[in-house]
C-alpha atoms as a PDB file:
ATOM      1  CA  MET A   1       0.000   0.000   0.000  1.00  0.00           C
ATOM      2  CA  SER A   2       2.275   2.473  -0.959  1.00  0.00           C
ATOM      3  CA  GLU A   3       0.231   5.224  -2.285  1.00  0.00           C
ATOM      4  CA  LYS A   4       1.853   8.306  -3.352  1.00  0.00           C
ATOM      5  CA  LEU A   5       0.171  11.548  -2.704  1.00  0.00           C
ATOM      6  CA  GLN A   6       0.339  13.741  -5.716  1.00  0.00           C
ATOM      7  CA  PRO A   7      -0.630  17.327  -5.445  1.00  0.00           C
ATOM      8  CA  SER A   8      -3.521  18.469  -7.471  1.00  0.00           C
ATOM      9  CA  SER A   9      -2.962  20.865 -10.353  1.00  0.00           C
ATOM     10  CA  LYS A  10      -4.436  23.707  -8.301  1.00  0.00           C
ATOM     11  CA  GLU A  11      -1.934  23.227  -5.524  1.00  0.00           C
ATOM     12  CA  THR A  12       0.940  23.103  -8.058  1.00  0.00           C
ATOM     13  CA  VAL A  13      -0.058  26.454  -9.585  1.00  0.00           C
ATOM     14  CA  THR A  14      -0.350  27.981  -6.110  1.00  0.00           C
ATOM     15  CA  SER A  15       3.048  26.730  -5.059  1.00  0.00           C
ATOM     16  CA  HIS A  16       4.655  28.039  -8.278  1.00  0.00           C
ATOM     17  CA  SER A  17       3.054  31.479  -7.833  1.00  0.00           C
ATOM     18  CA  THR A  18       4.140  31.510  -4.196  1.00  0.00           C
ATOM     19  CA  ILE A  19       7.693  30.708  -5.230  1.00  0.00           C
ATOM     20  CA  GLU A  20       7.603  33.452  -7.858  1.00  0.00           C
ATOM     21  CA  ARG A  21       6.291  35.963  -5.311  1.00  0.00           C
ATOM     22  CA  ALA A  22       8.961  34.911  -2.866  1.00  0.00           C
ATOM     23  CA  LYS A  23      11.638  35.397  -5.521  1.00  0.00           C
ATOM     24  CA  GLU A  24      10.292  38.860  -6.379  1.00  0.00           C
ATOM     25  CA  HIS A  25      10.188  39.782  -2.707  1.00  0.00           C
ATOM     26  CA  LEU A  26      13.750  38.542  -2.308  1.00  0.00           C
ATOM     27  CA  GLU A  27      14.884  40.690  -5.273  1.00  0.00           C
ATOM     28  CA  LYS A  28      13.199  43.759  -3.766  1.00  0.00           C
ATOM     29  CA  LEU A  29      14.901  43.137  -0.441  1.00  0.00           C
ATOM     30  CA  LYS A  30      18.284  42.805  -2.169  1.00  0.00           C
ATOM     31  CA  ALA A  31      17.757  46.070  -4.052  1.00  0.00           C
ATOM     32  CA  GLN A  32      16.706  47.844  -0.869  1.00  0.00           C
ATOM     33  CA  ALA A  33      19.733  46.448   0.962  1.00  0.00           C
ATOM     34  CA  ASP A  34      22.038  47.738  -1.805  1.00  0.00           C
ATOM     35  CA  ILE A  35      20.503  51.221  -1.595  1.00  0.00           C
ATOM     36  CA  GLU A  36      20.803  51.280   2.183  1.00  0.00           C
ATOM     37  CA  SER A  37      24.415  50.127   2.065  1.00  0.00           C
ATOM     38  CA  LYS A  38      25.279  52.855  -0.459  1.00  0.00           C
ATOM     39  CA  ALA A  39      23.517  55.464   1.665  1.00  0.00           C
ATOM     40  CA  HIS A  40      25.331  54.215   4.741  1.00  0.00           C
ATOM     41  CA  ALA A  41      28.664  54.255   2.917  1.00  0.00           C
ATOM     42  CA  SER A  42      28.065  57.803   1.595  1.00  0.00           C
ATOM     43  CA  SER A  43      27.053  59.034   5.055  1.00  0.00           C
ATOM     44  CA  GLU A  44      30.240  57.486   6.478  1.00  0.00           C
ATOM     45  CA  THR A  45      32.277  59.159   3.751  1.00  0.00           C
ATOM     46  CA  LEU A  46      30.516  62.438   4.468  1.00  0.00           C
ATOM     47  CA  GLU A  47      31.305  62.169   8.165  1.00  0.00           C
ATOM     48  CA  LYS A  48      34.970  61.413   7.402  1.00  0.00           C
ATOM     49  CA  ALA A  49      35.136  64.450   5.100  1.00  0.00           C
ATOM     50  CA  LYS A  50      33.589  66.690   7.780  1.00  0.00           C
ATOM     51  CA  VAL A  51      36.131  65.521  10.338  1.00  0.00           C
ATOM     52  CA  ALA A  52      39.007  66.121   7.892  1.00  0.00           C
ATOM     53  CA  VAL A  53      37.769  69.641   7.039  1.00  0.00           C
ATOM     54  CA  GLU A  54      37.300  70.580  10.673  1.00  0.00           C
ATOM     55  CA  SER A  55      40.806  69.425  11.533  1.00  0.00           C
ATOM     56  CA  LEU A  56      42.375  71.477   8.693  1.00  0.00           C
ATOM     57  CA  ALA A  57      40.185  74.569   8.965  1.00  0.00           C
ATOM     58  CA  ILE A  58      41.496  77.776  10.511  1.00  0.00           C
ATOM     59  CA  SER A  59      39.016  80.166  12.050  1.00  0.00           C
ATOM     60  CA  GLY A  60      38.821  83.771  10.839  1.00  0.00           C
ATOM     61  CA  LYS A  61      39.966  85.005  14.239  1.00  0.00           C
ATOM     62  CA  GLU A  62      43.199  83.039  14.024  1.00  0.00           C
ATOM     63  CA  MET A  63      44.070  84.211  10.498  1.00  0.00           C
ATOM     64  CA  THR A  64      45.578  87.632   9.955  1.00  0.00           C
ATOM     65  CA  PRO A  65      44.806  89.680   6.824  1.00  0.00           C
ATOM     66  CA  SER A  66      48.324  89.213   5.479  1.00  0.00           C
ATOM     67  CA  GLU A  67      47.910  85.416   5.639  1.00  0.00           C
ATOM     68  CA  SER A  68      44.618  85.523   3.760  1.00  0.00           C
ATOM     69  CA  ASN A  69      46.167  87.517   0.902  1.00  0.00           C
ATOM     70  CA  LYS A  70      49.384  85.496   0.818  1.00  0.00           C
ATOM     71  CA  ASP A  71      48.169  82.932  -1.714  1.00  0.00           C
ATOM     72  CA  VAL A  72      46.433  85.449  -3.976  1.00  0.00           C
ATOM     73  CA  LYS A  73      48.659  86.766  -6.736  1.00  0.00           C
ATOM     74  CA  PRO A  74      47.308  89.586  -8.890  1.00  0.00           C
ATOM     75  CA  SER A  75      47.106  88.580 -12.498  1.00  0.00           C
ATOM     76  CA  MET A  76      48.639  91.034 -14.892  1.00  0.00           C
ATOM     77  CA  GLY A  77      46.275  90.944 -17.811  1.00  0.00           C
ATOM     78  CA  TYR A  78      47.824  92.590 -20.825  1.00  0.00           C
ATOM     79  CA  VAL A  79      45.249  94.337 -22.965  1.00  0.00           C
ATOM     80  CA  ASN A  80      46.636  95.532 -26.259  1.00  0.00           C
ATOM     81  CA  ARG A  81      45.124  97.207 -29.293  1.00  0.00           C
ATOM     82  CA  GLU A  82      44.554  93.905 -31.111  1.00  0.00           C
ATOM     83  CA  LEU A  83      42.545  92.497 -28.213  1.00  0.00           C
ATOM     84  CA  LYS A  84      40.418  95.644 -28.053  1.00  0.00           C
ATOM     85  CA  ASP A  85      39.791  95.499 -31.801  1.00  0.00           C
ATOM     86  CA  MET A  86      38.783  91.839 -31.592  1.00  0.00           C
ATOM     87  CA  ALA A  87      36.354  92.571 -28.758  1.00  0.00           C
ATOM     88  CA  PHE A  88      34.905  95.531 -30.681  1.00  0.00           C
ATOM     89  CA  LYS A  89      34.399  93.444 -33.841  1.00  0.00           C
ATOM     90  CA  ARG A  90      32.814  90.648 -31.832  1.00  0.00           C
ATOM     91  CA  SER A  91      30.370  93.008 -30.127  1.00  0.00           C
ATOM     92  CA  LEU A  92      29.505  94.607 -33.487  1.00  0.00           C
ATOM     93  CA  SER A  93      28.786  91.239 -35.070  1.00  0.00           C
ATOM     94  CA  THR A  94      26.650  90.245 -32.097  1.00  0.00           C
ATOM     95  CA  ALA A  95      24.677  93.478 -32.323  1.00  0.00           C
ATOM     96  CA  ARG A  96      24.268  93.157 -36.097  1.00  0.00           C
ATOM     97  CA  ARG A  97      22.684  89.715 -35.728  1.00  0.00           C
ATOM     98  CA  HIS A  98      19.730  91.366 -34.003  1.00  0.00           C
ATOM     99  CA  MET A  99      19.302  94.090 -36.659  1.00  0.00           C
ATOM    100  CA  ASN A 100      17.184  94.053 -39.774  1.00  0.00           C
ATOM    101  CA  ALA A 101      18.877  94.137 -43.198  1.00  0.00           C
ATOM    102  CA  PRO A 102      18.892  97.951 -43.813  1.00  0.00           C
ATOM    103  CA  SER A 103      20.186  98.673 -40.306  1.00  0.00           C
ATOM    104  CA  ARG A 104      22.864  96.008 -40.695  1.00  0.00           C
ATOM    105  CA  THR A 105      24.027  97.578 -43.972  1.00  0.00           C
ATOM    106  CA  MET A 106      24.094 101.067 -42.452  1.00  0.00           C
ATOM    107  CA  SER A 107      26.064  99.735 -39.492  1.00  0.00           C
ATOM    108  CA  LYS A 108      28.637  98.218 -41.842  1.00  0.00           C
ATOM    109  CA  ILE A 109      29.016 101.562 -43.641  1.00  0.00           C
ATOM    110  CA  ILE A 110      29.196 103.662 -40.476  1.00  0.00           C
ATOM    111  CA  HIS A 111      31.738 101.432 -38.752  1.00  0.00           C
ATOM    112  CA  GLN A 112      34.304 101.530 -41.551  1.00  0.00           C
ATOM    113  CA  PRO A 113      37.635 102.756 -40.120  1.00  0.00           C
ATOM    114  CA  VAL A 114      37.792 105.819 -42.408  1.00  0.00           C
ATOM    115  CA  VAL A 115      34.247 106.911 -41.585  1.00  0.00           C
ATOM    116  CA  GLU A 116      34.825 106.432 -37.853  1.00  0.00           C
ATOM    117  CA  LYS A 117      38.011 108.538 -37.882  1.00  0.00           C
ATOM    118  CA  VAL A 118      36.294 111.401 -39.728  1.00  0.00           C
ATOM    119  CA  SER A 119      33.278 111.178 -37.425  1.00  0.00           C
ATOM    120  CA  ASP A 120      35.438 111.203 -34.290  1.00  0.00           C
ATOM    121  CA  ALA A 121      37.424 114.208 -35.483  1.00  0.00           C
ATOM    122  CA  ALA A 122      34.257 116.085 -36.446  1.00  0.00           C
ATOM    123  CA  SER A 123      32.538 115.313 -33.158  1.00  0.00           C
ATOM    124  CA  ILE A 124      35.355 116.915 -31.205  1.00  0.00           C
ATOM    125  CA  THR A 125      35.483 120.152 -33.196  1.00  0.00           C
ATOM    126  CA  VAL A 126      32.724 120.720 -35.728  1.00  0.00           C
ATOM    127  CA  ALA A 127      29.547 119.122 -34.444  1.00  0.00           C
ATOM    128  CA  ARG A 128      29.327 120.765 -31.049  1.00  0.00           C
ATOM    129  CA  PRO A 129      25.710 120.908 -29.845  1.00  0.00           C
ATOM    130  CA  SER A 130      26.050 124.484 -28.661  1.00  0.00           C
ATOM    131  CA  GLY A 131      27.419 125.554 -32.060  1.00  0.00           C
ATOM    132  CA  ILE A 132      24.664 123.779 -33.969  1.00  0.00           C
ATOM    133  CA  LEU A 133      21.990 125.184 -31.663  1.00  0.00           C
ATOM    134  CA  GLY A 134      23.396 128.699 -31.824  1.00  0.00           C
ATOM    135  CA  GLY A 135      23.839 128.541 -35.597  1.00  0.00           C
ATOM    136  CA  GLY A 136      20.351 127.191 -36.180  1.00  0.00           C
ATOM    137  CA  ALA A 137      18.654 129.700 -33.908  1.00  0.00           C
ATOM    138  CA  PHE A 138      20.655 132.619 -35.269  1.00  0.00           C
ATOM    139  CA  ALA A 139      19.995 131.568 -38.899  1.00  0.00           C
ATOM    140  CA  LEU A 140      16.268 131.073 -38.252  1.00  0.00           C
ATOM    141  CA  ILE A 141      15.706 134.404 -36.537  1.00  0.00           C
ATOM    142  CA  GLY A 142      17.983 136.250 -38.936  1.00  0.00           C
ATOM    143  CA  SER A 143      16.303 134.712 -41.991  1.00  0.00           C
ATOM    144  CA  ILE A 144      12.846 135.629 -40.708  1.00  0.00           C
ATOM    145  CA  ILE A 145      13.949 139.221 -40.151  1.00  0.00           C
ATOM    146  CA  LEU A 146      15.663 139.365 -43.555  1.00  0.00           C
ATOM    147  CA  LEU A 147      12.622 137.854 -45.311  1.00  0.00           C
ATOM    148  CA  TRP A 148      10.286 140.369 -43.682  1.00  0.00           C
ATOM    149  CA  THR A 149      12.625 143.236 -44.568  1.00  0.00           C
ATOM    150  CA  THR A 150      12.939 142.166 -48.218  1.00  0.00           C
ATOM    151  CA  LYS A 151       9.153 141.772 -48.598  1.00  0.00           C
ATOM    152  CA  HIS A 152       8.361 145.031 -46.813  1.00  0.00           C
ATOM    153  CA  TYR A 153      10.921 147.268 -48.520  1.00  0.00           C
ATOM    154  CA  GLY A 154      11.116 145.471 -51.852  1.00  0.00           C
ATOM    155  CA  TYR A 155      14.693 144.226 -51.725  1.00  0.00           C
ATOM    156  CA  LYS A 156      15.883 141.027 -53.386  1.00  0.00           C
ATOM    157  CA  TYR A 157      16.319 138.044 -51.007  1.00  0.00           C
ATOM    158  CA  ASN A 158      19.910 136.718 -50.945  1.00  0.00           C
ATOM    159  CA  TYR A 159      20.214 133.001 -50.090  1.00  0.00           C
ATOM    160  CA  LEU A 160      23.870 133.317 -49.108  1.00  0.00           C
ATOM    161  CA  VAL A 161      22.817 135.329 -46.046  1.00  0.00           C
ATOM    162  CA  PHE A 162      21.306 132.195 -44.442  1.00  0.00           C
ATOM    163  CA  PHE A 163      24.686 130.397 -44.507  1.00  0.00           C
ATOM    164  CA  MET A 164      26.508 133.477 -43.205  1.00  0.00           C
ATOM    165  CA  LEU A 165      23.974 133.803 -40.374  1.00  0.00           C
ATOM    166  CA  PHE A 166      24.428 130.096 -39.540  1.00  0.00           C
ATOM    167  CA  ILE A 167      28.219 130.448 -39.360  1.00  0.00           C
ATOM    168  CA  CYS A 168      27.945 133.573 -37.168  1.00  0.00           C
ATOM    169  CA  GLY A 169      25.470 131.799 -34.857  1.00  0.00           C
ATOM    170  CA  PHE A 170      27.745 128.767 -34.708  1.00  0.00           C
ATOM    171  CA  ILE A 171      30.680 130.925 -33.604  1.00  0.00           C
ATOM    172  CA  ILE A 172      28.525 132.724 -31.035  1.00  0.00           C
ATOM    173  CA  GLY A 173      27.276 129.353 -29.688  1.00  0.00           C
ATOM    174  CA  MET A 174      30.836 128.029 -29.357  1.00  0.00           C
ATOM    175  CA  ILE A 175      31.976 131.174 -27.554  1.00  0.00           C
ATOM    176  CA  ALA A 176      28.972 130.920 -25.215  1.00  0.00           C
ATOM    177  CA  GLU A 177      29.869 127.297 -24.443  1.00  0.00           C
ATOM    178  CA  LEU A 178      33.487 128.224 -23.655  1.00  0.00           C
ATOM    179  CA  VAL A 179      32.385 131.058 -21.353  1.00  0.00           C
ATOM    180  CA  ILE A 180      29.914 128.812 -19.518  1.00  0.00           C
ATOM    181  CA  HIS A 181      32.543 126.082 -19.051  1.00  0.00           C
ATOM    182  CA  TYR A 182      35.035 128.646 -17.797  1.00  0.00           C
ATOM    183  CA  PHE A 183      32.647 129.886 -15.102  1.00  0.00           C
ATOM    184  CA  ILE A 184      31.638 126.330 -14.104  1.00  0.00           C
ATOM    185  CA  ARG A 185      35.289 125.302 -13.660  1.00  0.00           C
ATOM    186  CA  ARG A 186      36.027 128.493 -11.762  1.00  0.00           C
ATOM    187  CA  LYS A 187      33.061 127.832  -9.469  1.00  0.00           C
ATOM    188  CA  LYS A 188      34.225 124.216  -8.819  1.00  0.00           C
ATOM    189  CA  ASN A 189      37.779 125.345  -8.040  1.00  0.00           C
ATOM    190  CA  LYS A 190      36.499 127.793  -5.382  1.00  0.00           C
ATOM    191  CA  LYS A 191      34.747 124.990  -3.496  1.00  0.00           C
END
């Protein structure tokens, strides 16, 4: 009477699924153990680093200003004309990328070396705002007076007078600017 007990098919499926679940659970536990060991190892490393830093650190009270500046060496950056020109060209090209086509073309014309030199020289001497303002005002008022006089008395209007009035007003404006600057400097020197 040796009967063998054989499990039913239902019990076999249950035992296989239980084994599979146990394997999955085991894998999860292994993964969690790995994470915890890494976290533990990194916290130990962090603690060791803190101890090492604290042992080497010097407090601000113990360090004198001469010691803090001892390691710092000033860098002698040499800026020459070529470097300035390269930076200028780079900034111009960057600015031109954001411009529309007509503005970009005008920028290329204006920033030619010859045009820039002439413009710089003229801005120092010729195109003074006080001269332009004085010349324009003097030419406007003078032309109005001349026009009224020629209409009223029957004279012939001379167009050259406008340019002469502008030049006279320009000179008067420049002289006025020089006088004002002289008194401003004199006033600053007294203080």
